[in-house]
PDB file of N, CA and C in Angstrom:
ATOM      1  N   MET A   1     -34.936  16.921   1.467  1.00  0.00           N
ATOM      2  CA  MET A   1     -34.305  15.580   2.143  1.00  0.00           C
ATOM      3  C   MET A   1     -33.219  15.097   0.975  1.00  0.00           C
ATOM      4  N   SER A   2     -33.743  15.136  -0.032  1.00  0.00           N
ATOM      5  CA  SER A   2     -32.654  14.384  -0.933  1.00  0.00           C
ATOM      6  C   SER A   2     -31.353  15.218  -1.617  1.00  0.00           C
ATOM      7  N   LYS A   3     -31.429  16.519  -0.752  1.00  0.00           N
ATOM      8  CA  LYS A   3     -30.229  17.314  -0.800  1.00  0.00           C
ATOM      9  C   LYS A   3     -29.367  17.063   0.078  1.00  0.00           C
ATOM     10  N   VAL A   4     -29.937  16.826   1.308  1.00  0.00           N
ATOM     11  CA  VAL A   4     -29.439  16.471   2.398  1.00  0.00           C
ATOM     12  C   VAL A   4     -28.632  15.096   2.481  1.00  0.00           C
ATOM     13  N   ILE A   5     -29.137  14.137   1.262  1.00  0.00           N
ATOM     14  CA  ILE A   5     -28.707  12.643   1.550  1.00  0.00           C
ATOM     15  C   ILE A   5     -27.280  12.953   0.264  1.00  0.00           C
ATOM     16  N   ALA A   6     -27.567  13.671  -0.578  1.00  0.00           N
ATOM     17  CA  ALA A   6     -26.791  14.073  -1.587  1.00  0.00           C
ATOM     18  C   ALA A   6     -25.474  14.575  -1.253  1.00  0.00           C
ATOM     19  N   ILE A   7     -25.770  15.820   0.156  1.00  0.00           N
ATOM     20  CA  ILE A   7     -24.622  16.046   0.576  1.00  0.00           C
ATOM     21  C   ILE A   7     -23.581  15.363   1.365  1.00  0.00           C
ATOM     22  N   ILE A   8     -24.287  14.567   2.168  1.00  0.00           N
ATOM     23  CA  ILE A   8     -23.893  13.411   2.951  1.00  0.00           C
ATOM     24  C   ILE A   8     -23.172  12.578   2.244  1.00  0.00           C
ATOM     25  N   THR A   9     -23.471  11.975   1.094  1.00  0.00           N
ATOM     26  CA  THR A   9     -22.957  11.021   0.112  1.00  0.00           C
ATOM     27  C   THR A   9     -21.978  11.803  -0.319  1.00  0.00           C
ATOM     28  N   LEU A  10     -21.750  12.689  -0.645  1.00  0.00           N
ATOM     29  CA  LEU A  10     -20.187  13.463  -1.403  1.00  0.00           C
ATOM     30  C   LEU A  10     -19.524  13.741  -0.137  1.00  0.00           C
ATOM     31  N   GLY A  11     -20.128  13.954   0.953  1.00  0.00           N
ATOM     32  CA  GLY A  11     -19.075  13.904   2.078  1.00  0.00           C
ATOM     33  C   GLY A  11     -18.300  12.899   2.298  1.00  0.00           C
ATOM     34  N   LEU A  12     -19.050  11.681   2.276  1.00  0.00           N
ATOM     35  CA  LEU A  12     -18.696  10.319   2.667  1.00  0.00           C
ATOM     36  C   LEU A  12     -17.491   9.767   1.380  1.00  0.00           C
ATOM     37  N   ILE A  13     -18.117  10.367   0.588  1.00  0.00           N
ATOM     38  CA  ILE A  13     -17.125   9.825  -1.007  1.00  0.00           C
ATOM     39  C   ILE A  13     -15.681  10.628  -0.757  1.00  0.00           C
ATOM     40  N   ALA A  14     -15.967  12.087  -0.404  1.00  0.00           N
ATOM     41  CA  ALA A  14     -14.450  12.914  -0.386  1.00  0.00           C
ATOM     42  C   ALA A  14     -13.713  12.226   0.888  1.00  0.00           C
ATOM     43  N   TYR A  15     -14.220  11.806   1.948  1.00  0.00           N
ATOM     44  CA  TYR A  15     -13.712  11.071   3.161  1.00  0.00           C
ATOM     45  C   TYR A  15     -12.858  10.260   2.852  1.00  0.00           C
ATOM     46  N   TYR A  16     -13.741   9.188   1.930  1.00  0.00           N
ATOM     47  CA  TYR A  16     -12.856   7.965   1.742  1.00  0.00           C
ATOM     48  C   TYR A  16     -11.786   8.015   0.247  1.00  0.00           C
ATOM     49  N   TRP A  17     -11.983   9.039  -0.461  1.00  0.00           N
ATOM     50  CA  TRP A  17     -11.056   9.396  -0.933  1.00  0.00           C
ATOM     51  C   TRP A  17      -9.761  10.016  -0.584  1.00  0.00           C
ATOM     52  N   SER A  18      -9.801  10.620   0.432  1.00  0.00           N
ATOM     53  CA  SER A  18      -9.002  11.469   1.288  1.00  0.00           C
ATOM     54  C   SER A  18      -8.297  10.355   2.281  1.00  0.00           C
ATOM     55  N   TYR A  19      -9.505   9.374   2.778  1.00  0.00           N
ATOM     56  CA  TYR A  19      -8.358   8.488   3.955  1.00  0.00           C
ATOM     57  C   TYR A  19      -7.502   7.351   2.752  1.00  0.00           C
ATOM     58  N   THR A  20      -7.826   7.016   1.425  1.00  0.00           N
ATOM     59  CA  THR A  20      -7.671   6.082   0.507  1.00  0.00           C
ATOM     60  C   THR A  20      -6.093   6.684   0.233  1.00  0.00           C
ATOM     61  N   GLN A  21      -6.197   8.061  -0.056  1.00  0.00           N
ATOM     62  CA  GLN A  21      -4.710   8.497  -0.378  1.00  0.00           C
ATOM     63  C   GLN A  21      -3.633   8.656   0.560  1.00  0.00           C
ATOM     64  N   LYS A  22      -4.089   9.262   1.889  1.00  0.00           N
ATOM     65  CA  LYS A  22      -3.279   8.974   2.994  1.00  0.00           C
ATOM     66  C   LYS A  22      -2.912   7.645   3.061  1.00  0.00           C
ATOM     67  N   LEU A  23      -3.538   6.582   3.175  1.00  0.00           N
ATOM     68  CA  LEU A  23      -2.730   5.029   3.021  1.00  0.00           C
ATOM     69  C   LEU A  23      -1.833   4.856   2.056  1.00  0.00           C
ATOM     70  N   LYS A  24      -2.193   5.388   0.858  1.00  0.00           N
ATOM     71  CA  LYS A  24      -1.350   5.237  -0.560  1.00  0.00           C
ATOM     72  C   LYS A  24      -0.115   6.149  -0.140  1.00  0.00           C
ATOM     73  N   SER A  25       0.047   7.128   0.467  1.00  0.00           N
ATOM     74  CA  SER A  25       1.194   7.817   0.701  1.00  0.00           C
ATOM     75  C   SER A  25       1.973   6.942   1.860  1.00  0.00           C
ATOM     76  N   ILE A  26       1.052   6.435   2.774  1.00  0.00           N
ATOM     77  CA  ILE A  26       1.785   5.951   3.789  1.00  0.00           C
ATOM     78  C   ILE A  26       2.784   4.443   3.068  1.00  0.00           C
ATOM     79  N   ALA A  27       2.130   4.229   2.006  1.00  0.00           N
ATOM     80  CA  ALA A  27       2.671   2.733   1.372  1.00  0.00           C
ATOM     81  C   ALA A  27       3.595   2.988   0.672  1.00  0.00           C
ATOM     82  N   LEU A  28       3.575   4.220  -0.233  1.00  0.00           N
ATOM     83  CA  LEU A  28       4.730   4.827  -1.169  1.00  0.00           C
ATOM     84  C   LEU A  28       5.829   4.913   0.038  1.00  0.00           C
ATOM     85  N   ARG A  29       5.868   5.518   0.976  1.00  0.00           N
ATOM     86  CA  ARG A  29       7.045   6.060   1.943  1.00  0.00           C
ATOM     87  C   ARG A  29       7.594   4.693   1.835  1.00  0.00           C
ATOM     88  N   ALA A  30       6.794   4.009   2.395  1.00  0.00           N
ATOM     89  CA  ALA A  30       7.293   2.231   3.374  1.00  0.00           C
ATOM     90  C   ALA A  30       8.246   1.638   1.785  1.00  0.00           C
ATOM     91  N   ALA A  31       7.715   1.652   0.719  1.00  0.00           N
ATOM     92  CA  ALA A  31       8.186   0.947  -0.383  1.00  0.00           C
ATOM     93  C   ALA A  31       9.260   1.940  -0.838  1.00  0.00           C
ATOM     94  N   LYS A  32       9.605   3.162  -0.904  1.00  0.00           N
ATOM     95  CA  LYS A  32      10.960   3.943  -1.052  1.00  0.00           C
ATOM     96  C   LYS A  32      12.332   3.465   0.244  1.00  0.00           C
ATOM     97  N   ASN A  33      11.336   3.389   1.106  1.00  0.00           N
ATOM     98  CA  ASN A  33      12.133   3.091   2.622  1.00  0.00           C
ATOM     99  C   ASN A  33      12.740   1.708   2.526  1.00  0.00           C
ATOM    100  N   ARG A  34      11.995   0.812   2.369  1.00  0.00           N
ATOM    101  CA  ARG A  34      12.572  -0.586   2.140  1.00  0.00           C
ATOM    102  C   ARG A  34      13.588  -0.461   0.679  1.00  0.00           C
ATOM    103  N   CYS A  35      13.167  -0.320  -0.209  1.00  0.00           N
ATOM    104  CA  CYS A  35      14.231   0.105  -1.298  1.00  0.00           C
ATOM    105  C   CYS A  35      15.539   0.563  -1.144  1.00  0.00           C
ATOM    106  N   ASN A  36      15.345   1.572  -0.498  1.00  0.00           N
ATOM    107  CA  ASN A  36      16.635   2.313  -0.189  1.00  0.00           C
ATOM    108  C   ASN A  36      17.514   1.397   0.959  1.00  0.00           C
ATOM    109  N   GLU A  37      17.122   0.809   2.025  1.00  0.00           N
ATOM    110  CA  GLU A  37      17.236   0.066   2.776  1.00  0.00           C
ATOM    111  C   GLU A  37      18.136  -1.051   2.107  1.00  0.00           C
ATOM    112  N   SER A  38      17.680  -1.797   0.993  1.00  0.00           N
ATOM    113  CA  SER A  38      17.930  -3.116   0.509  1.00  0.00           C
ATOM    114  C   SER A  38      19.012  -2.750  -0.534  1.00  0.00           C
ATOM    115  N   GLY A  39      19.243  -1.580  -0.926  1.00  0.00           N
ATOM    116  CA  GLY A  39      20.040  -1.154  -2.038  1.00  0.00           C
ATOM    117  C   GLY A  39      19.301  -1.289  -3.165  1.00  0.00           C
ATOM    118  N   VAL A  40      18.026  -1.139  -3.415  1.00  0.00           N
ATOM    119  CA  VAL A  40      17.852  -1.657  -4.898  1.00  0.00           C
ATOM    120  C   VAL A  40      16.858  -0.299  -5.228  1.00  0.00           C
ATOM    121  N   GLN A  41      16.717  -0.346  -6.558  1.00  0.00           N
ATOM    122  CA  GLN A  41      15.948   1.100  -7.184  1.00  0.00           C
ATOM    123  C   GLN A  41      14.513   0.909  -7.450  1.00  0.00           C
ATOM    124  N   PHE A  42      14.157   1.748  -6.751  1.00  0.00           N
ATOM    125  CA  PHE A  42      12.247   1.948  -6.757  1.00  0.00           C
ATOM    126  C   PHE A  42      12.013   2.309  -7.870  1.00  0.00           C
ATOM    127  N   LEU A  43      10.981   2.140  -8.669  1.00  0.00           N
ATOM    128  CA  LEU A  43      10.741   1.577  -9.953  1.00  0.00           C
ATOM    129  C   LEU A  43       9.301   2.732  -9.976  1.00  0.00           C
ATOM    130  N   ASP A  44       8.878   3.435 -10.899  1.00  0.00           N
ATOM    131  CA  ASP A  44       7.658   3.976 -11.408  1.00  0.00           C
ATOM    132  C   ASP A  44       7.290   5.146 -10.214  1.00  0.00           C
ATOM    133  N   HIS A  45       7.572   5.075  -9.136  1.00  0.00           N
ATOM    134  CA  HIS A  45       7.753   6.471  -8.100  1.00  0.00           C
ATOM    135  C   HIS A  45       6.355   6.110  -7.582  1.00  0.00           C
ATOM    136  N   THR A  46       5.652   4.785  -7.871  1.00  0.00           N
ATOM    137  CA  THR A  46       4.211   4.702  -7.252  1.00  0.00           C
ATOM    138  C   THR A  46       4.009   3.068  -6.660  1.00  0.00           C
ATOM    139  N   VAL A  47       3.443   3.124  -6.170  1.00  0.00           N
ATOM    140  CA  VAL A  47       2.779   2.048  -5.611  1.00  0.00           C
ATOM    141  C   VAL A  47       0.955   1.792  -6.002  1.00  0.00           C
ATOM    142  N   VAL A  48       0.790   0.589  -5.899  1.00  0.00           N
ATOM    143  CA  VAL A  48      -0.919   0.167  -6.728  1.00  0.00           C
ATOM    144  C   VAL A  48      -1.681  -0.662  -5.916  1.00  0.00           C
ATOM    145  N   TYR A  49      -2.549  -0.035  -5.198  1.00  0.00           N
ATOM    146  CA  TYR A  49      -3.799  -1.021  -4.665  1.00  0.00           C
ATOM    147  C   TYR A  49      -3.809  -2.203  -4.814  1.00  0.00           C
ATOM    148  N   ASN A  50      -3.738  -3.333  -4.470  1.00  0.00           N
ATOM    149  CA  ASN A  50      -3.990  -4.665  -5.056  1.00  0.00           C
ATOM    150  C   ASN A  50      -5.316  -5.240  -4.479  1.00  0.00           C
ATOM    151  N   GLN A  51      -5.287  -5.400  -3.057  1.00  0.00           N
ATOM    152  CA  GLN A  51      -6.581  -6.044  -2.682  1.00  0.00           C
ATOM    153  C   GLN A  51      -6.407  -5.740  -1.285  1.00  0.00           C
ATOM    154  N   PHE A  52      -8.094  -5.855  -0.641  1.00  0.00           N
ATOM    155  CA  PHE A  52      -8.260  -5.752   0.676  1.00  0.00           C
ATOM    156  C   PHE A  52      -9.114  -6.949   1.212  1.00  0.00           C
ATOM    157  N   LYS A  53      -8.089  -7.524   2.542  1.00  0.00           N
ATOM    158  CA  LYS A  53      -8.761  -8.983   2.756  1.00  0.00           C
ATOM    159  C   LYS A  53      -9.070  -8.959   4.449  1.00  0.00           C
ATOM    160  N   TRP A  54      -9.724  -9.657   4.783  1.00  0.00           N
ATOM    161  CA  TRP A  54      -9.959  -9.842   6.183  1.00  0.00           C
ATOM    162  C   TRP A  54      -9.038 -11.090   6.932  1.00  0.00           C
ATOM    163  N   GLN A  55      -8.119 -10.449   7.854  1.00  0.00           N
ATOM    164  CA  GLN A  55      -7.247 -11.545   8.292  1.00  0.00           C
ATOM    165  C   GLN A  55      -7.122 -11.519   9.895  1.00  0.00           C
ATOM    166  N   LYS A  56      -6.560 -12.396  10.293  1.00  0.00           N
ATOM    167  CA  LYS A  56      -6.086 -12.563  11.757  1.00  0.00           C
ATOM    168  C   LYS A  56      -5.090 -11.517  12.252  1.00  0.00           C
ATOM    169  N   ASN A  57      -5.008 -10.585  13.024  1.00  0.00           N
ATOM    170  CA  ASN A  57      -3.886  -9.603  13.774  1.00  0.00           C
ATOM    171  C   ASN A  57      -2.920 -10.697  14.571  1.00  0.00           C
ATOM    172  N   ALA A  58      -2.009 -10.215  14.664  1.00  0.00           N
ATOM    173  CA  ALA A  58      -1.214 -10.762  15.977  1.00  0.00           C
ATOM    174  C   ALA A  58      -1.895 -11.259  17.040  1.00  0.00           C
ATOM    175  N   ASN A  59      -3.108 -10.464  17.698  1.00  0.00           N
ATOM    176  CA  ASN A  59      -3.660 -11.017  18.367  1.00  0.00           C
ATOM    177  C   ASN A  59      -4.815 -11.702  18.228  1.00  0.00           C
ATOM    178  N   GLY A  60      -5.105 -12.278  17.166  1.00  0.00           N
ATOM    179  CA  GLY A  60      -6.000 -13.090  16.730  1.00  0.00           C
ATOM    180  C   GLY A  60      -7.288 -12.400  16.440  1.00  0.00           C
ATOM    181  N   GLN A  61      -7.292 -11.223  16.290  1.00  0.00           N
ATOM    182  CA  GLN A  61      -8.675 -10.674  15.947  1.00  0.00           C
ATOM    183  C   GLN A  61      -8.558 -10.749  14.217  1.00  0.00           C
ATOM    184  N   LYS A  62     -10.104 -10.632  13.640  1.00  0.00           N
ATOM    185  CA  LYS A  62     -10.131 -10.400  12.414  1.00  0.00           C
ATOM    186  C   LYS A  62     -10.037  -9.159  12.115  1.00  0.00           C
ATOM    187  N   ARG A  63      -9.175  -9.019  11.258  1.00  0.00           N
ATOM    188  CA  ARG A  63      -9.036  -6.913  10.586  1.00  0.00           C
ATOM    189  C   ARG A  63      -8.960  -6.976   9.384  1.00  0.00           C
ATOM    190  N   LEU A  64      -9.296  -6.039   8.865  1.00  0.00           N
ATOM    191  CA  LEU A  64      -9.188  -5.531   7.467  1.00  0.00           C
ATOM    192  C   LEU A  64      -7.650  -5.061   7.214  1.00  0.00           C
ATOM    193  N   PHE A  65      -7.162  -5.723   6.269  1.00  0.00           N
ATOM    194  CA  PHE A  65      -5.920  -5.257   5.948  1.00  0.00           C
ATOM    195  C   PHE A  65      -5.821  -5.011   4.171  1.00  0.00           C
ATOM    196  N   ARG A  66      -5.167  -4.044   3.851  1.00  0.00           N
ATOM    197  CA  ARG A  66      -5.084  -3.781   2.544  1.00  0.00           C
ATOM    198  C   ARG A  66      -3.453  -3.991   2.302  1.00  0.00           C
ATOM    199  N   GLU A  67      -3.546  -4.510   0.653  1.00  0.00           N
ATOM    200  CA  GLU A  67      -2.168  -4.846   0.306  1.00  0.00           C
ATOM    201  C   GLU A  67      -1.990  -3.694  -0.956  1.00  0.00           C
ATOM    202  N   TYR A  68      -0.618  -3.259  -1.015  1.00  0.00           N
ATOM    203  CA  TYR A  68      -0.320  -2.515  -2.192  1.00  0.00           C
ATOM    204  C   TYR A  68       1.016  -3.178  -2.728  1.00  0.00           C
ATOM    205  N   LEU A  69       1.059  -2.947  -4.483  1.00  0.00           N
ATOM    206  CA  LEU A  69       2.198  -3.574  -5.002  1.00  0.00           C
ATOM    207  C   LEU A  69       3.101  -2.423  -5.347  1.00  0.00           C
ATOM    208  N   PHE A  70       4.429  -2.827  -5.428  1.00  0.00           N
ATOM    209  CA  PHE A  70       5.121  -1.708  -6.122  1.00  0.00           C
ATOM    210  C   PHE A  70       6.177  -2.570  -7.087  1.00  0.00           C
ATOM    211  N   ASP A  71       6.844  -2.111  -7.836  1.00  0.00           N
ATOM    212  CA  ASP A  71       8.268  -2.670  -8.728  1.00  0.00           C
ATOM    213  C   ASP A  71       9.563  -2.323  -8.544  1.00  0.00           C
ATOM    214  N   PHE A  72      10.817  -3.049  -8.549  1.00  0.00           N
ATOM    215  CA  PHE A  72      11.962  -2.428  -7.959  1.00  0.00           C
ATOM    216  C   PHE A  72      12.908  -3.258  -8.861  1.00  0.00           C
ATOM    217  N   THR A  73      13.764  -2.735  -9.031  1.00  0.00           N
ATOM    218  CA  THR A  73      15.027  -3.555 -10.030  1.00  0.00           C
ATOM    219  C   THR A  73      16.415  -3.447  -9.017  1.00  0.00           C
ATOM    220  N   SER A  74      17.252  -4.696  -9.181  1.00  0.00           N
ATOM    221  CA  SER A  74      18.625  -4.814  -8.643  1.00  0.00           C
ATOM    222  C   SER A  74      19.585  -4.643  -9.467  1.00  0.00           C
ATOM    223  N   THR A  75      19.023  -4.966 -10.543  1.00  0.00           N
ATOM    224  CA  THR A  75      20.341  -4.437 -11.657  1.00  0.00           C
ATOM    225  C   THR A  75      20.181  -3.865 -12.736  1.00  0.00           C
ATOM    226  N   GLY A  76      18.785  -3.129 -13.085  1.00  0.00           N
ATOM    227  CA  GLY A  76      18.449  -2.413 -13.889  1.00  0.00           C
ATOM    228  C   GLY A  76      18.068  -2.826 -15.328  1.00  0.00           C
ATOM    229  N   GLU A  77      18.020  -4.633 -14.876  1.00  0.00           N
ATOM    230  CA  GLU A  77      17.556  -5.283 -16.406  1.00  0.00           C
ATOM    231  C   GLU A  77      15.987  -5.863 -16.162  1.00  0.00           C
ATOM    232  N   GLN A  78      16.002  -6.285 -14.879  1.00  0.00           N
ATOM    233  CA  GLN A  78      14.670  -7.029 -14.871  1.00  0.00           C
ATOM    234  C   GLN A  78      14.229  -6.414 -13.665  1.00  0.00           C
ATOM    235  N   ARG A  79      12.579  -6.169 -13.661  1.00  0.00           N
ATOM    236  CA  ARG A  79      11.746  -5.872 -12.246  1.00  0.00           C
ATOM    237  C   ARG A  79      11.182  -6.963 -11.477  1.00  0.00           C
ATOM    238  N   TYR A  80      11.121  -6.574 -10.623  1.00  0.00           N
ATOM    239  CA  TYR A  80      10.770  -7.399  -9.345  1.00  0.00           C
ATOM    240  C   TYR A  80       9.596  -6.800  -8.444  1.00  0.00           C
ATOM    241  N   GLN A  81       8.883  -7.511  -8.012  1.00  0.00           N
ATOM    242  CA  GLN A  81       7.975  -6.791  -7.473  1.00  0.00           C
ATOM    243  C   GLN A  81       7.715  -6.761  -5.989  1.00  0.00           C
ATOM    244  N   GLY A  82       7.444  -5.729  -5.026  1.00  0.00           N
ATOM    245  CA  GLY A  82       7.337  -5.572  -3.903  1.00  0.00           C
ATOM    246  C   GLY A  82       5.720  -5.795  -3.342  1.00  0.00           C
ATOM    247  N   ARG A  83       5.807  -6.125  -2.027  1.00  0.00           N
ATOM    248  CA  ARG A  83       4.113  -6.017  -1.279  1.00  0.00           C
ATOM    249  C   ARG A  83       4.133  -5.119   0.013  1.00  0.00           C
ATOM    250  N   ILE A  84       3.410  -4.462   0.169  1.00  0.00           N
ATOM    251  CA  ILE A  84       3.111  -3.646   1.640  1.00  0.00           C
ATOM    252  C   ILE A  84       1.798  -3.894   2.087  1.00  0.00           C
ATOM    253  N   LEU A  85       1.901  -4.341   3.268  1.00  0.00           N
ATOM    254  CA  LEU A  85       0.395  -4.735   4.033  1.00  0.00           C
ATOM    255  C   LEU A  85       0.168  -3.697   4.881  1.00  0.00           C
ATOM    256  N   LEU A  86      -0.959  -3.051   4.776  1.00  0.00           N
ATOM    257  CA  LEU A  86      -1.457  -2.309   5.599  1.00  0.00           C
ATOM    258  C   LEU A  86      -2.478  -2.656   6.958  1.00  0.00           C
ATOM    259  N   GLN A  87      -2.620  -2.331   7.938  1.00  0.00           N
ATOM    260  CA  GLN A  87      -3.695  -2.658   8.680  1.00  0.00           C
ATOM    261  C   GLN A  87      -4.017  -0.851   9.031  1.00  0.00           C
ATOM    262  N   ALA A  88      -5.167  -0.546   9.217  1.00  0.00           N
ATOM    263  CA  ALA A  88      -5.522   0.826   9.019  1.00  0.00           C
ATOM    264  C   ALA A  88      -4.483   1.718   8.568  1.00  0.00           C
ATOM    265  N   HIS A  89      -4.078   2.309   9.325  1.00  0.00           N
ATOM    266  CA  HIS A  89      -2.445   3.189   8.726  1.00  0.00           C
ATOM    267  C   HIS A  89      -1.446   2.735   9.558  1.00  0.00           C
ATOM    268  N   HIS A  90      -1.294   1.433   9.832  1.00  0.00           N
ATOM    269  CA  HIS A  90      -0.190   0.925  10.055  1.00  0.00           C
ATOM    270  C   HIS A  90       0.685  -0.143   9.259  1.00  0.00           C
ATOM    271  N   ILE A  91       1.877   0.013   9.064  1.00  0.00           N
ATOM    272  CA  ILE A  91       2.505  -1.022   8.266  1.00  0.00           C
ATOM    273  C   ILE A  91       2.578  -2.335   8.760  1.00  0.00           C
ATOM    274  N   VAL A  92       1.980  -3.252   8.232  1.00  0.00           N
ATOM    275  CA  VAL A  92       2.366  -4.601   8.993  1.00  0.00           C
ATOM    276  C   VAL A  92       3.329  -5.018   8.145  1.00  0.00           C
ATOM    277  N   SER A  93       3.996  -5.072   7.042  1.00  0.00           N
ATOM    278  CA  SER A  93       4.835  -5.840   6.409  1.00  0.00           C
ATOM    279  C   SER A  93       5.442  -5.054   5.030  1.00  0.00           C
ATOM    280  N   VAL A  94       6.739  -5.271   5.058  1.00  0.00           N
ATOM    281  CA  VAL A  94       7.052  -4.853   3.620  1.00  0.00           C
ATOM    282  C   VAL A  94       8.123  -5.973   2.935  1.00  0.00           C
ATOM    283  N   GLU A  95       7.611  -6.717   1.971  1.00  0.00           N
ATOM    284  CA  GLU A  95       7.995  -7.866   1.267  1.00  0.00           C
ATOM    285  C   GLU A  95       8.814  -7.489  -0.095  1.00  0.00           C
ATOM    286  N   LEU A  96       9.783  -7.915  -0.460  1.00  0.00           N
ATOM    287  CA  LEU A  96      10.433  -8.060  -1.762  1.00  0.00           C
ATOM    288  C   LEU A  96      10.329  -9.171  -2.355  1.00  0.00           C
ATOM    289  N   ASP A  97      10.069  -9.225  -3.616  1.00  0.00           N
ATOM    290  CA  ASP A  97      10.450 -10.986  -4.017  1.00  0.00           C
ATOM    291  C   ASP A  97      11.421 -11.063  -4.062  1.00  0.00           C
ATOM    292  N   PRO A  98      12.368 -12.025  -4.020  1.00  0.00           N
ATOM    293  CA  PRO A  98      13.605 -12.762  -4.298  1.00  0.00           C
ATOM    294  C   PRO A  98      14.345 -11.917  -5.656  1.00  0.00           C
ATOM    295  N   PHE A  99      15.588 -11.406  -5.631  1.00  0.00           N
ATOM    296  CA  PHE A  99      15.784 -10.777  -6.602  1.00  0.00           C
ATOM    297  C   PHE A  99      17.186 -11.031  -6.639  1.00  0.00           C
ATOM    298  N   SER A 100      18.146 -10.716  -8.020  1.00  0.00           N
ATOM    299  CA  SER A 100      19.152 -11.051  -8.503  1.00  0.00           C
ATOM    300  C   SER A 100      20.260  -9.772  -8.071  1.00  0.00           C
ATOM    301  N   LEU A 101      21.627  -9.986  -7.519  1.00  0.00           N
ATOM    302  CA  LEU A 101      22.204  -9.281  -6.786  1.00  0.00           C
ATOM    303  C   LEU A 101      23.526  -8.999  -8.259  1.00  0.00           C
ATOM    304  N   ASN A 102      23.365  -9.503  -9.621  1.00  0.00           N
ATOM    305  CA  ASN A 102      24.172  -9.267 -10.278  1.00  0.00           C
ATOM    306  C   ASN A 102      24.123  -7.915 -11.124  1.00  0.00           C
TER     307      ASN A 102
END
């Protein structure tokens, strides 16, 4: 019986890891696209999971949202931060901190 529980546990861990990698990939594409659209340089070619939170969606229902952070630059001298908010595997928002155009 303990072997069955161990196999199920390992399967759940593998599924969770695979699912979070898919979400990270979605966030990475969203960050690259927003940087290209805004004319800024996406730095480090990565996004970092920041937090998850329960929040109301557009329909007023409580849902789990995940936030990812990334860095970008507009001038090559100063780093700025961007945020991506996901609900399940849907992009809710991609925000960039105010940045200088000089």
